[in-house]
Amino acid sequence: MLLVSIVRQYIFPFTKKIIKNFLYGVIGGKIFITVIAFFLYHWLYIKVLTEDNVISVLRIFKSFVDLNKLNAIYLWIMGFKPVLLTSAWFIVLTTIIFISMPLISIAVTLRKHKQITEEDL
């Protein structure tokens, strides 16, 4: 909401430059974080949380943890694994919404400003 309220001031040339630079930084950072999170979650899903890897890590704890608890941990990890993919796509969706809100606000503000200046002529 802060970005939308800032964008409403998108009329004067100096303010436009400040807002554009701010938005480019915010949008660029958000896209960068989204790409990293998307690939990290998929990498965890595909490479790290394989059955073999999880079993090999759980074997380390075999000597001092009950087998029923290890089995419960294994089932929890395998059940949790699909959540990573859902989370990755949810991050992408929220990023698209986060980026589109100020851009739509800029478009609406420019359109209103254009209509006002045309009425003055």
PDB file of N, CA and C in Angstrom:
ATOM      1  N   MET A   1       0.820  -1.184   0.000  1.00  0.00           N
ATOM      2  CA  MET A   1       0.000   0.000   0.000  1.00  0.00           C
ATOM      3  C   MET A   1       0.868   1.254   0.000  1.00  0.00           C
ATOM      4  N   LEU A   2       2.040   1.152   0.599  1.00  0.00           N
ATOM      5  CA  LEU A   2       2.944   2.291   0.616  1.00  0.00           C
ATOM      6  C   LEU A   2       3.327   2.674  -0.808  1.00  0.00           C
ATOM      7  N   LEU A   3       3.627   1.672  -1.638  1.00  0.00           N
ATOM      8  CA  LEU A   3       4.011   1.964  -3.015  1.00  0.00           C
ATOM      9  C   LEU A   3       2.877   2.628  -3.776  1.00  0.00           C
ATOM     10  N   VAL A   4       1.655   2.176  -3.558  1.00  0.00           N
ATOM     11  CA  VAL A   4       0.511   2.765  -4.248  1.00  0.00           C
ATOM     12  C   VAL A   4       0.314   4.204  -3.804  1.00  0.00           C
ATOM     13  N   SER A   5       0.468   4.486  -2.523  1.00  0.00           N
ATOM     14  CA  SER A   5       0.291   5.856  -2.052  1.00  0.00           C
ATOM     15  C   SER A   5       1.416   6.768  -2.543  1.00  0.00           C
ATOM     16  N   ILE A   6       2.615   6.242  -2.676  1.00  0.00           N
ATOM     17  CA  ILE A   6       3.726   7.035  -3.209  1.00  0.00           C
ATOM     18  C   ILE A   6       3.497   7.339  -4.682  1.00  0.00           C
ATOM     19  N   VAL A   7       2.975   6.368  -5.406  1.00  0.00           N
ATOM     20  CA  VAL A   7       2.799   6.515  -6.850  1.00  0.00           C
ATOM     21  C   VAL A   7       1.746   7.567  -7.175  1.00  0.00           C
ATOM     22  N   ARG A   8       0.851   7.856  -6.259  1.00  0.00           N
ATOM     23  CA  ARG A   8      -0.173   8.877  -6.511  1.00  0.00           C
ATOM     24  C   ARG A   8       0.446  10.256  -6.710  1.00  0.00           C
ATOM     25  N   GLN A   9       1.669  10.436  -6.281  1.00  0.00           N
ATOM     26  CA  GLN A   9       2.366  11.706  -6.458  1.00  0.00           C
ATOM     27  C   GLN A   9       3.103  11.758  -7.798  1.00  0.00           C
ATOM     28  N   TYR A  10       2.808  10.828  -8.688  1.00  0.00           N
ATOM     29  CA  TYR A  10       3.529  10.643  -9.947  1.00  0.00           C
ATOM     30  C   TYR A  10       3.066  11.674 -10.980  1.00  0.00           C
ATOM     31  N   ILE A  11       3.303  12.941 -10.730  1.00  0.00           N
ATOM     32  CA  ILE A  11       2.864  13.978 -11.658  1.00  0.00           C
ATOM     33  C   ILE A  11       4.026  14.875 -12.068  1.00  0.00           C
ATOM     34  N   PHE A  12       4.757  15.372 -11.121  1.00  0.00           N
ATOM     35  CA  PHE A  12       5.811  16.335 -11.412  1.00  0.00           C
ATOM     36  C   PHE A  12       7.072  15.626 -11.889  1.00  0.00           C
ATOM     37  N   PRO A  13       7.858  16.262 -12.789  1.00  0.00           N
ATOM     38  CA  PRO A  13       9.034  15.582 -13.374  1.00  0.00           C
ATOM     39  C   PRO A  13      10.047  15.097 -12.345  1.00  0.00           C
ATOM     40  N   PHE A  14      10.351  15.917 -11.346  1.00  0.00           N
ATOM     41  CA  PHE A  14      11.335  15.515 -10.345  1.00  0.00           C
ATOM     42  C   PHE A  14      10.810  14.334  -9.532  1.00  0.00           C
ATOM     43  N   THR A  15       9.556  14.414  -9.161  1.00  0.00           N
ATOM     44  CA  THR A  15       8.939  13.329  -8.401  1.00  0.00           C
ATOM     45  C   THR A  15       8.874  12.060  -9.236  1.00  0.00           C
ATOM     46  N   LYS A  16       8.629  12.195 -10.531  1.00  0.00           N
ATOM     47  CA  LYS A  16       8.583  11.026 -11.419  1.00  0.00           C
ATOM     48  C   LYS A  16       9.909  10.280 -11.404  1.00  0.00           C
ATOM     49  N   LYS A  17      11.001  11.019 -11.480  1.00  0.00           N
ATOM     50  CA  LYS A  17      12.319  10.376 -11.494  1.00  0.00           C
ATOM     51  C   LYS A  17      12.586   9.644 -10.181  1.00  0.00           C
ATOM     52  N   ILE A  18      12.248  10.280  -9.079  1.00  0.00           N
ATOM     53  CA  ILE A  18      12.464   9.646  -7.777  1.00  0.00           C
ATOM     54  C   ILE A  18      11.630   8.377  -7.666  1.00  0.00           C
ATOM     55  N   ILE A  19      10.366   8.476  -8.036  1.00  0.00           N
ATOM     56  CA  ILE A  19       9.472   7.317  -7.926  1.00  0.00           C
ATOM     57  C   ILE A  19       9.901   6.213  -8.879  1.00  0.00           C
ATOM     58  N   LYS A  20      10.296   6.573 -10.100  1.00  0.00           N
ATOM     59  CA  LYS A  20      10.749   5.550 -11.053  1.00  0.00           C
ATOM     60  C   LYS A  20      11.975   4.809 -10.524  1.00  0.00           C
ATOM     61  N   ASN A  21      12.956   5.548 -10.029  1.00  0.00           N
ATOM     62  CA  ASN A  21      14.157   4.900  -9.490  1.00  0.00           C
ATOM     63  C   ASN A  21      13.822   4.009  -8.299  1.00  0.00           C
ATOM     64  N   PHE A  22      12.955   4.498  -7.430  1.00  0.00           N
ATOM     65  CA  PHE A  22      12.538   3.697  -6.280  1.00  0.00           C
ATOM     66  C   PHE A  22      11.823   2.426  -6.730  1.00  0.00           C
ATOM     67  N   LEU A  23      10.895   2.567  -7.663  1.00  0.00           N
ATOM     68  CA  LEU A  23      10.147   1.399  -8.146  1.00  0.00           C
ATOM     69  C   LEU A  23      11.041   0.416  -8.878  1.00  0.00           C
ATOM     70  N   TYR A  24      11.971   0.923  -9.693  1.00  0.00           N
ATOM     71  CA  TYR A  24      12.896   0.010 -10.381  1.00  0.00           C
ATOM     72  C   TYR A  24      13.702  -0.799  -9.371  1.00  0.00           C
ATOM     73  N   GLY A  25      14.141  -0.151  -8.305  1.00  0.00           N
ATOM     74  CA  GLY A  25      14.892  -0.864  -7.277  1.00  0.00           C
ATOM     75  C   GLY A  25      14.050  -1.896  -6.552  1.00  0.00           C
ATOM     76  N   VAL A  26      12.845  -1.511  -6.177  1.00  0.00           N
ATOM     77  CA  VAL A  26      11.955  -2.438  -5.468  1.00  0.00           C
ATOM     78  C   VAL A  26      11.566  -3.602  -6.368  1.00  0.00           C
ATOM     79  N   ILE A  27      11.186  -3.300  -7.603  1.00  0.00           N
ATOM     80  CA  ILE A  27      10.771  -4.355  -8.534  1.00  0.00           C
ATOM     81  C   ILE A  27      11.945  -5.267  -8.871  1.00  0.00           C
ATOM     82  N   GLY A  28      13.099  -4.685  -9.126  1.00  0.00           N
ATOM     83  CA  GLY A  28      14.276  -5.503  -9.429  1.00  0.00           C
ATOM     84  C   GLY A  28      14.657  -6.410  -8.275  1.00  0.00           C
ATOM     85  N   GLY A  29      14.636  -5.867  -7.066  1.00  0.00           N
ATOM     86  CA  GLY A  29      14.944  -6.678  -5.890  1.00  0.00           C
ATOM     87  C   GLY A  29      13.932  -7.780  -5.672  1.00  0.00           C
ATOM     88  N   LYS A  30      12.670  -7.462  -5.861  1.00  0.00           N
ATOM     89  CA  LYS A  30      11.615  -8.462  -5.666  1.00  0.00           C
ATOM     90  C   LYS A  30      11.722  -9.581  -6.703  1.00  0.00           C
ATOM     91  N   ILE A  31      12.004  -9.228  -7.941  1.00  0.00           N
ATOM     92  CA  ILE A  31      12.170 -10.254  -8.979  1.00  0.00           C
ATOM     93  C   ILE A  31      13.390 -11.115  -8.679  1.00  0.00           C
ATOM     94  N   PHE A  32      14.482 -10.498  -8.252  1.00  0.00           N
ATOM     95  CA  PHE A  32      15.699 -11.242  -7.917  1.00  0.00           C
ATOM     96  C   PHE A  32      15.438 -12.246  -6.795  1.00  0.00           C
ATOM     97  N   ILE A  33      14.787 -11.787  -5.734  1.00  0.00           N
ATOM     98  CA  ILE A  33      14.482 -12.670  -4.609  1.00  0.00           C
ATOM     99  C   ILE A  33      13.535 -13.784  -5.039  1.00  0.00           C
ATOM    100  N   THR A  34      12.574 -13.467  -5.883  1.00  0.00           N
ATOM    101  CA  THR A  34      11.618 -14.475  -6.350  1.00  0.00           C
ATOM    102  C   THR A  34      12.309 -15.549  -7.166  1.00  0.00           C
ATOM    103  N   VAL A  35      13.194 -15.148  -8.056  1.00  0.00           N
ATOM    104  CA  VAL A  35      13.908 -16.132  -8.878  1.00  0.00           C
ATOM    105  C   VAL A  35      14.768 -17.034  -7.999  1.00  0.00           C
ATOM    106  N   ILE A  36      15.475 -16.440  -7.046  1.00  0.00           N
ATOM    107  CA  ILE A  36      16.316 -17.249  -6.154  1.00  0.00           C
ATOM    108  C   ILE A  36      15.462 -18.216  -5.334  1.00  0.00           C
ATOM    109  N   ALA A  37      14.375 -17.732  -4.750  1.00  0.00           N
ATOM    110  CA  ALA A  37      13.510 -18.605  -3.944  1.00  0.00           C
ATOM    111  C   ALA A  37      12.893 -19.699  -4.803  1.00  0.00           C
ATOM    112  N   PHE A  38      12.471 -19.355  -6.010  1.00  0.00           N
ATOM    113  CA  PHE A  38      11.850 -20.336  -6.902  1.00  0.00           C
ATOM    114  C   PHE A  38      12.824 -21.469  -7.216  1.00  0.00           C
ATOM    115  N   PHE A  39      14.034 -21.112  -7.610  1.00  0.00           N
ATOM    116  CA  PHE A  39      15.016 -22.150  -7.933  1.00  0.00           C
ATOM    117  C   PHE A  39      15.492 -22.896  -6.690  1.00  0.00           C
ATOM    118  N   LEU A  40      15.620 -22.214  -5.562  1.00  0.00           N
ATOM    119  CA  LEU A  40      16.030 -22.878  -4.326  1.00  0.00           C
ATOM    120  C   LEU A  40      14.998 -23.912  -3.890  1.00  0.00           C
ATOM    121  N   TYR A  41      13.737 -23.555  -3.912  1.00  0.00           N
ATOM    122  CA  TYR A  41      12.690 -24.501  -3.506  1.00  0.00           C
ATOM    123  C   TYR A  41      12.634 -25.696  -4.445  1.00  0.00           C
ATOM    124  N   HIS A  42      12.773 -25.451  -5.739  1.00  0.00           N
ATOM    125  CA  HIS A  42      12.767 -26.567  -6.684  1.00  0.00           C
ATOM    126  C   HIS A  42      14.012 -27.437  -6.514  1.00  0.00           C
ATOM    127  N   TRP A  43      15.157 -26.813  -6.250  1.00  0.00           N
ATOM    128  CA  TRP A  43      16.388 -27.577  -6.024  1.00  0.00           C
ATOM    129  C   TRP A  43      16.242 -28.450  -4.784  1.00  0.00           C
ATOM    130  N   LEU A  44      15.678 -27.884  -3.716  1.00  0.00           N
ATOM    131  CA  LEU A  44      15.442 -28.685  -2.511  1.00  0.00           C
ATOM    132  C   LEU A  44      14.516 -29.859  -2.813  1.00  0.00           C
ATOM    133  N   TYR A  45      13.484 -29.605  -3.587  1.00  0.00           N
ATOM    134  CA  TYR A  45      12.519 -30.656  -3.915  1.00  0.00           C
ATOM    135  C   TYR A  45      13.143 -31.754  -4.769  1.00  0.00           C
ATOM    136  N   ILE A  46      13.914 -31.355  -5.780  1.00  0.00           N
ATOM    137  CA  ILE A  46      14.430 -32.322  -6.753  1.00  0.00           C
ATOM    138  C   ILE A  46      15.715 -32.995  -6.281  1.00  0.00           C
ATOM    139  N   LYS A  47      16.641 -32.234  -5.720  1.00  0.00           N
ATOM    140  CA  LYS A  47      17.973 -32.773  -5.420  1.00  0.00           C
ATOM    141  C   LYS A  47      18.196 -33.143  -3.957  1.00  0.00           C
ATOM    142  N   VAL A  48      17.731 -32.326  -3.042  1.00  0.00           N
ATOM    143  CA  VAL A  48      18.088 -32.519  -1.634  1.00  0.00           C
ATOM    144  C   VAL A  48      17.152 -33.498  -0.932  1.00  0.00           C
ATOM    145  N   LEU A  49      15.875 -33.329  -1.101  1.00  0.00           N
ATOM    146  CA  LEU A  49      14.918 -34.151  -0.359  1.00  0.00           C
ATOM    147  C   LEU A  49      14.501 -35.408  -1.125  1.00  0.00           C
ATOM    148  N   THR A  50      15.463 -36.079  -1.706  1.00  0.00           N
ATOM    149  CA  THR A  50      15.170 -37.367  -2.335  1.00  0.00           C
ATOM    150  C   THR A  50      15.083 -38.425  -1.243  1.00  0.00           C
ATOM    151  N   GLU A  51      14.465 -39.528  -1.576  1.00  0.00           N
ATOM    152  CA  GLU A  51      14.326 -40.602  -0.585  1.00  0.00           C
ATOM    153  C   GLU A  51      15.688 -41.084  -0.099  1.00  0.00           C
ATOM    154  N   ASP A  52      16.633 -41.245  -1.021  1.00  0.00           N
ATOM    155  CA  ASP A  52      17.971 -41.722  -0.642  1.00  0.00           C
ATOM    156  C   ASP A  52      18.674 -40.756   0.307  1.00  0.00           C
ATOM    157  N   ASN A  53      18.601 -39.462   0.013  1.00  0.00           N
ATOM    158  CA  ASN A  53      19.256 -38.471   0.874  1.00  0.00           C
ATOM    159  C   ASN A  53      18.629 -38.425   2.266  1.00  0.00           C
ATOM    160  N   VAL A  54      17.319 -38.458   2.319  1.00  0.00           N
ATOM    161  CA  VAL A  54      16.638 -38.401   3.616  1.00  0.00           C
ATOM    162  C   VAL A  54      16.956 -39.647   4.433  1.00  0.00           C
ATOM    163  N   ILE A  55      16.932 -40.799   3.786  1.00  0.00           N
ATOM    164  CA  ILE A  55      17.241 -42.046   4.495  1.00  0.00           C
ATOM    165  C   ILE A  55      18.683 -42.046   4.987  1.00  0.00           C
ATOM    166  N   SER A  56      19.611 -41.572   4.167  1.00  0.00           N
ATOM    167  CA  SER A  56      21.015 -41.561   4.593  1.00  0.00           C
ATOM    168  C   SER A  56      21.239 -40.623   5.779  1.00  0.00           C
ATOM    169  N   VAL A  57      20.538 -39.512   5.827  1.00  0.00           N
ATOM    170  CA  VAL A  57      20.666 -38.607   6.972  1.00  0.00           C
ATOM    171  C   VAL A  57      20.014 -39.224   8.206  1.00  0.00           C
ATOM    172  N   LEU A  58      18.876 -39.854   8.026  1.00  0.00           N
ATOM    173  CA  LEU A  58      18.196 -40.465   9.176  1.00  0.00           C
ATOM    174  C   LEU A  58      18.965 -41.660   9.731  1.00  0.00           C
ATOM    175  N   ARG A  59      19.752 -42.323   8.911  1.00  0.00           N
ATOM    176  CA  ARG A  59      20.572 -43.446   9.389  1.00  0.00           C
ATOM    177  C   ARG A  59      21.612 -42.992  10.410  1.00  0.00           C
ATOM    178  N   ILE A  60      22.038 -41.749  10.308  1.00  0.00           N
ATOM    179  CA  ILE A  60      23.002 -41.207  11.269  1.00  0.00           C
ATOM    180  C   ILE A  60      22.408 -41.226  12.677  1.00  0.00           C
ATOM    181  N   PHE A  61      21.118 -40.965  12.780  1.00  0.00           N
ATOM    182  CA  PHE A  61      20.447 -40.888  14.082  1.00  0.00           C
ATOM    183  C   PHE A  61      19.883 -42.228  14.543  1.00  0.00           C
ATOM    184  N   LYS A  62      20.106 -43.263  13.761  1.00  0.00           N
ATOM    185  CA  LYS A  62      19.529 -44.582  14.032  1.00  0.00           C
ATOM    186  C   LYS A  62      19.964 -45.147  15.384  1.00  0.00           C
ATOM    187  N   SER A  63      21.191 -44.869  15.788  1.00  0.00           N
ATOM    188  CA  SER A  63      21.719 -45.478  17.010  1.00  0.00           C
ATOM    189  C   SER A  63      21.122 -44.891  18.293  1.00  0.00           C
ATOM    190  N   PHE A  64      20.658 -43.647  18.266  1.00  0.00           N
ATOM    191  CA  PHE A  64      20.153 -43.054  19.505  1.00  0.00           C
ATOM    192  C   PHE A  64      18.728 -42.495  19.405  1.00  0.00           C
ATOM    193  N   VAL A  65      18.030 -42.764  18.300  1.00  0.00           N
ATOM    194  CA  VAL A  65      16.629 -42.356  18.170  1.00  0.00           C
ATOM    195  C   VAL A  65      15.813 -43.590  17.815  1.00  0.00           C
ATOM    196  N   ASP A  66      14.648 -43.687  18.398  1.00  0.00           N
ATOM    197  CA  ASP A  66      13.758 -44.819  18.173  1.00  0.00           C
ATOM    198  C   ASP A  66      13.371 -44.909  16.689  1.00  0.00           C
ATOM    199  N   LEU A  67      13.274 -46.123  16.178  1.00  0.00           N
ATOM    200  CA  LEU A  67      12.934 -46.331  14.767  1.00  0.00           C
ATOM    201  C   LEU A  67      11.546 -45.793  14.424  1.00  0.00           C
ATOM    202  N   ASN A  68      10.612 -45.873  15.350  1.00  0.00           N
ATOM    203  CA  ASN A  68       9.277 -45.326  15.085  1.00  0.00           C
ATOM    204  C   ASN A  68       9.330 -43.812  14.892  1.00  0.00           C
ATOM    205  N   LYS A  69      10.155 -43.150  15.686  1.00  0.00           N
ATOM    206  CA  LYS A  69      10.314 -41.698  15.535  1.00  0.00           C
ATOM    207  C   LYS A  69      10.997 -41.363  14.212  1.00  0.00           C
ATOM    208  N   LEU A  70      12.009 -42.133  13.843  1.00  0.00           N
ATOM    209  CA  LEU A  70      12.676 -41.906  12.556  1.00  0.00           C
ATOM    210  C   LEU A  70      11.709 -42.119  11.400  1.00  0.00           C
ATOM    211  N   ASN A  71      10.868 -43.133  11.516  1.00  0.00           N
ATOM    212  CA  ASN A  71       9.873 -43.382  10.478  1.00  0.00           C
ATOM    213  C   ASN A  71       8.881 -42.218  10.398  1.00  0.00           C
ATOM    214  N   ALA A  72       8.476 -41.694  11.550  1.00  0.00           N
ATOM    215  CA  ALA A  72       7.562 -40.548  11.570  1.00  0.00           C
ATOM    216  C   ALA A  72       8.222 -39.319  10.945  1.00  0.00           C
ATOM    217  N   ILE A  73       9.492 -39.118  11.238  1.00  0.00           N
ATOM    218  CA  ILE A  73      10.226 -37.991  10.645  1.00  0.00           C
ATOM    219  C   ILE A  73      10.320 -38.155   9.137  1.00  0.00           C
ATOM    220  N   TYR A  74      10.620 -39.353   8.695  1.00  0.00           N
ATOM    221  CA  TYR A  74      10.712 -39.628   7.256  1.00  0.00           C
ATOM    222  C   TYR A  74       9.369 -39.349   6.573  1.00  0.00           C
ATOM    223  N   LEU A  75       8.292 -39.842   7.143  1.00  0.00           N
ATOM    224  CA  LEU A  75       6.969 -39.626   6.549  1.00  0.00           C
ATOM    225  C   LEU A  75       6.600 -38.146   6.542  1.00  0.00           C
ATOM    226  N   TRP A  76       6.993 -37.417   7.602  1.00  0.00           N
ATOM    227  CA  TRP A  76       6.708 -35.987   7.642  1.00  0.00           C
ATOM    228  C   TRP A  76       7.472 -35.248   6.542  1.00  0.00           C
ATOM    229  N   ILE A  77       8.744 -35.582   6.374  1.00  0.00           N
ATOM    230  CA  ILE A  77       9.557 -34.922   5.338  1.00  0.00           C
ATOM    231  C   ILE A  77       9.000 -35.222   3.956  1.00  0.00           C
ATOM    232  N   MET A  78       8.651 -36.469   3.704  1.00  0.00           N
ATOM    233  CA  MET A  78       8.111 -36.828   2.392  1.00  0.00           C
ATOM    234  C   MET A  78       6.729 -36.199   2.170  1.00  0.00           C
ATOM    235  N   GLY A  79       5.971 -36.013   3.234  1.00  0.00           N
ATOM    236  CA  GLY A  79       4.681 -35.337   3.112  1.00  0.00           C
ATOM    237  C   GLY A  79       4.825 -33.836   2.943  1.00  0.00           C
ATOM    238  N   PHE A  80       5.885 -33.290   3.516  1.00  0.00           N
ATOM    239  CA  PHE A  80       6.134 -31.850   3.433  1.00  0.00           C
ATOM    240  C   PHE A  80       6.733 -31.447   2.088  1.00  0.00           C
ATOM    241  N   LYS A  81       7.373 -32.359   1.435  1.00  0.00           N
ATOM    242  CA  LYS A  81       8.102 -32.078   0.196  1.00  0.00           C
ATOM    243  C   LYS A  81       7.248 -31.365  -0.865  1.00  0.00           C
ATOM    244  N   PRO A  82       6.010 -31.777  -1.148  1.00  0.00           N
ATOM    245  CA  PRO A  82       5.211 -31.065  -2.157  1.00  0.00           C
ATOM    246  C   PRO A  82       4.871 -29.625  -1.780  1.00  0.00           C
ATOM    247  N   VAL A  83       4.938 -29.299  -0.502  1.00  0.00           N
ATOM    248  CA  VAL A  83       4.653 -27.930  -0.071  1.00  0.00           C
ATOM    249  C   VAL A  83       5.679 -26.964  -0.662  1.00  0.00           C
ATOM    250  N   LEU A  84       6.886 -27.438  -0.897  1.00  0.00           N
ATOM    251  CA  LEU A  84       7.923 -26.574  -1.475  1.00  0.00           C
ATOM    252  C   LEU A  84       7.518 -26.068  -2.857  1.00  0.00           C
ATOM    253  N   LEU A  85       6.952 -26.938  -3.676  1.00  0.00           N
ATOM    254  CA  LEU A  85       6.529 -26.514  -5.014  1.00  0.00           C
ATOM    255  C   LEU A  85       5.366 -25.526  -4.939  1.00  0.00           C
ATOM    256  N   THR A  86       4.415 -25.812  -4.074  1.00  0.00           N
ATOM    257  CA  THR A  86       3.291 -24.892  -3.902  1.00  0.00           C
ATOM    258  C   THR A  86       3.785 -23.537  -3.408  1.00  0.00           C
ATOM    259  N   SER A  87       4.711 -23.552  -2.480  1.00  0.00           N
ATOM    260  CA  SER A  87       5.259 -22.301  -1.941  1.00  0.00           C
ATOM    261  C   SER A  87       6.007 -21.515  -3.009  1.00  0.00           C
ATOM    262  N   ALA A  88       6.752 -22.210  -3.850  1.00  0.00           N
ATOM    263  CA  ALA A  88       7.501 -21.531  -4.912  1.00  0.00           C
ATOM    264  C   ALA A  88       6.551 -20.799  -5.857  1.00  0.00           C
ATOM    265  N   TRP A  89       5.484 -21.459  -6.249  1.00  0.00           N
ATOM    266  CA  TRP A  89       4.522 -20.817  -7.151  1.00  0.00           C
ATOM    267  C   TRP A  89       3.730 -19.728  -6.443  1.00  0.00           C
ATOM    268  N   PHE A  90       3.490 -19.885  -5.151  1.00  0.00           N
ATOM    269  CA  PHE A  90       2.810 -18.836  -4.391  1.00  0.00           C
ATOM    270  C   PHE A  90       3.677 -17.582  -4.312  1.00  0.00           C
ATOM    271  N   ILE A  91       4.973 -17.758  -4.155  1.00  0.00           N
ATOM    272  CA  ILE A  91       5.893 -16.614  -4.142  1.00  0.00           C
ATOM    273  C   ILE A  91       5.847 -15.883  -5.478  1.00  0.00           C
ATOM    274  N   VAL A  92       5.805 -16.638  -6.570  1.00  0.00           N
ATOM    275  CA  VAL A  92       5.717 -16.014  -7.897  1.00  0.00           C
ATOM    276  C   VAL A  92       4.413 -15.226  -8.023  1.00  0.00           C
ATOM    277  N   LEU A  93       3.307 -15.818  -7.602  1.00  0.00           N
ATOM    278  CA  LEU A  93       2.007 -15.144  -7.693  1.00  0.00           C
ATOM    279  C   LEU A  93       1.981 -13.863  -6.862  1.00  0.00           C
ATOM    280  N   THR A  94       2.456 -13.922  -5.634  1.00  0.00           N
ATOM    281  CA  THR A  94       2.449 -12.723  -4.794  1.00  0.00           C
ATOM    282  C   THR A  94       3.394 -11.652  -5.331  1.00  0.00           C
ATOM    283  N   THR A  95       4.477 -12.063  -5.969  1.00  0.00           N
ATOM    284  CA  THR A  95       5.383 -11.086  -6.578  1.00  0.00           C
ATOM    285  C   THR A  95       4.709 -10.381  -7.743  1.00  0.00           C
ATOM    286  N   ILE A  96       3.990 -11.135  -8.553  1.00  0.00           N
ATOM    287  CA  ILE A  96       3.269 -10.523  -9.677  1.00  0.00           C
ATOM    288  C   ILE A  96       2.249  -9.511  -9.159  1.00  0.00           C
ATOM    289  N   ILE A  97       1.527  -9.870  -8.119  1.00  0.00           N
ATOM    290  CA  ILE A  97       0.551  -8.943  -7.537  1.00  0.00           C
ATOM    291  C   ILE A  97       1.260  -7.730  -6.942  1.00  0.00           C
ATOM    292  N   PHE A  98       2.362  -7.957  -6.228  1.00  0.00           N
ATOM    293  CA  PHE A  98       3.118  -6.875  -5.594  1.00  0.00           C
ATOM    294  C   PHE A  98       3.650  -5.891  -6.628  1.00  0.00           C
ATOM    295  N   ILE A  99       4.104  -6.409  -7.758  1.00  0.00           N
ATOM    296  CA  ILE A  99       4.660  -5.551  -8.800  1.00  0.00           C
ATOM    297  C   ILE A  99       3.555  -4.846  -9.579  1.00  0.00           C
ATOM    298  N   SER A 100       2.450  -5.528  -9.813  1.00  0.00           N
ATOM    299  CA  SER A 100       1.399  -4.947 -10.647  1.00  0.00           C
ATOM    300  C   SER A 100       0.649  -3.812  -9.952  1.00  0.00           C
ATOM    301  N   MET A 101       0.550  -3.838  -8.643  1.00  0.00           N
ATOM    302  CA  MET A 101      -0.211  -2.790  -7.948  1.00  0.00           C
ATOM    303  C   MET A 101       0.337  -1.382  -8.202  1.00  0.00           C
ATOM    304  N   PRO A 102       1.626  -1.121  -7.991  1.00  0.00           N
ATOM    305  CA  PRO A 102       2.103   0.239  -8.270  1.00  0.00           C
ATOM    306  C   PRO A 102       2.092   0.577  -9.758  1.00  0.00           C
ATOM    307  N   LEU A 103       2.307  -0.417 -10.621  1.00  0.00           N
ATOM    308  CA  LEU A 103       2.287  -0.140 -12.055  1.00  0.00           C
ATOM    309  C   LEU A 103       0.882   0.235 -12.522  1.00  0.00           C
ATOM    310  N   ILE A 104      -0.120  -0.445 -12.007  1.00  0.00           N
ATOM    311  CA  ILE A 104      -1.505  -0.091 -12.332  1.00  0.00           C
ATOM    312  C   ILE A 104      -1.833   1.291 -11.781  1.00  0.00           C
ATOM    313  N   SER A 105      -1.346   1.579 -10.598  1.00  0.00           N
ATOM    314  CA  SER A 105      -1.579   2.890 -10.002  1.00  0.00           C
ATOM    315  C   SER A 105      -0.938   4.000 -10.839  1.00  0.00           C
ATOM    316  N   ILE A 106       0.252   3.752 -11.362  1.00  0.00           N
ATOM    317  CA  ILE A 106       0.899   4.733 -12.248  1.00  0.00           C
ATOM    318  C   ILE A 106       0.067   4.938 -13.502  1.00  0.00           C
ATOM    319  N   ALA A 107      -0.405   3.850 -14.096  1.00  0.00           N
ATOM    320  CA  ALA A 107      -1.208   3.958 -15.314  1.00  0.00           C
ATOM    321  C   ALA A 107      -2.488   4.753 -15.061  1.00  0.00           C
ATOM    322  N   VAL A 108      -3.144   4.496 -13.943  1.00  0.00           N
ATOM    323  CA  VAL A 108      -4.372   5.227 -13.613  1.00  0.00           C
ATOM    324  C   VAL A 108      -4.067   6.702 -13.371  1.00  0.00           C
ATOM    325  N   THR A 109      -2.997   6.986 -12.655  1.00  0.00           N
ATOM    326  CA  THR A 109      -2.622   8.373 -12.375  1.00  0.00           C
ATOM    327  C   THR A 109      -2.277   9.118 -13.656  1.00  0.00           C
ATOM    328  N   LEU A 110      -1.525   8.486 -14.545  1.00  0.00           N
ATOM    329  CA  LEU A 110      -1.185   9.131 -15.817  1.00  0.00           C
ATOM    330  C   LEU A 110      -2.431   9.390 -16.654  1.00  0.00           C
ATOM    331  N   ARG A 111      -3.351   8.446 -16.647  1.00  0.00           N
ATOM    332  CA  ARG A 111      -4.581   8.616 -17.427  1.00  0.00           C
ATOM    333  C   ARG A 111      -5.418   9.763 -16.868  1.00  0.00           C
ATOM    334  N   LYS A 112      -5.547   9.828 -15.543  1.00  0.00           N
ATOM    335  CA  LYS A 112      -6.299  10.922 -14.927  1.00  0.00           C
ATOM    336  C   LYS A 112      -5.638  12.261 -15.206  1.00  0.00           C
ATOM    337  N   HIS A 113      -4.310  12.301 -15.091  1.00  0.00           N
ATOM    338  CA  HIS A 113      -3.579  13.545 -15.337  1.00  0.00           C
ATOM    339  C   HIS A 113      -3.740  13.974 -16.794  1.00  0.00           C
ATOM    340  N   LYS A 114      -3.724  13.021 -17.709  1.00  0.00           N
ATOM    341  CA  LYS A 114      -3.894  13.332 -19.131  1.00  0.00           C
ATOM    342  C   LYS A 114      -5.297  13.875 -19.386  1.00  0.00           C
ATOM    343  N   GLN A 115      -6.304  13.289 -18.763  1.00  0.00           N
ATOM    344  CA  GLN A 115      -7.670  13.773 -18.934  1.00  0.00           C
ATOM    345  C   GLN A 115      -7.830  15.174 -18.369  1.00  0.00           C
ATOM    346  N   ILE A 116      -7.190  15.441 -17.241  1.00  0.00           N
ATOM    347  CA  ILE A 116      -7.286  16.768 -16.628  1.00  0.00           C
ATOM    348  C   ILE A 116      -6.621  17.808 -17.517  1.00  0.00           C
ATOM    349  N   THR A 117      -5.451  17.489 -18.069  1.00  0.00           N
ATOM    350  CA  THR A 117      -4.756  18.456 -18.929  1.00  0.00           C
ATOM    351  C   THR A 117      -5.500  18.654 -20.241  1.00  0.00           C
ATOM    352  N   GLU A 118      -6.162  17.631 -20.756  1.00  0.00           N
ATOM    353  CA  GLU A 118      -6.945  17.788 -21.986  1.00  0.00           C
ATOM    354  C   GLU A 118      -8.180  18.648 -21.740  1.00  0.00           C
ATOM    355  N   GLU A 119      -8.770  18.535 -20.567  1.00  0.00           N
ATOM    356  CA  GLU A 119      -9.929  19.357 -20.234  1.00  0.00           C
ATOM    357  C   GLU A 119      -9.541  20.821 -20.093  1.00  0.00           C
ATOM    358  N   ASP A 120      -8.322  21.082 -19.631  1.00  0.00           N
ATOM    359  CA  ASP A 120      -7.857  22.456 -19.470  1.00  0.00           C
ATOM    360  C   ASP A 120      -7.640  23.132 -20.811  1.00  0.00           C
ATOM    361  N   LEU A 121      -7.363  22.353 -21.846  1.00  0.00           N
ATOM    362  CA  LEU A 121      -7.118  22.938 -23.163  1.00  0.00           C
ATOM    363  C   LEU A 121      -8.434  23.255 -23.778  1.00  0.00           C
TER     364      LEU A 121
END
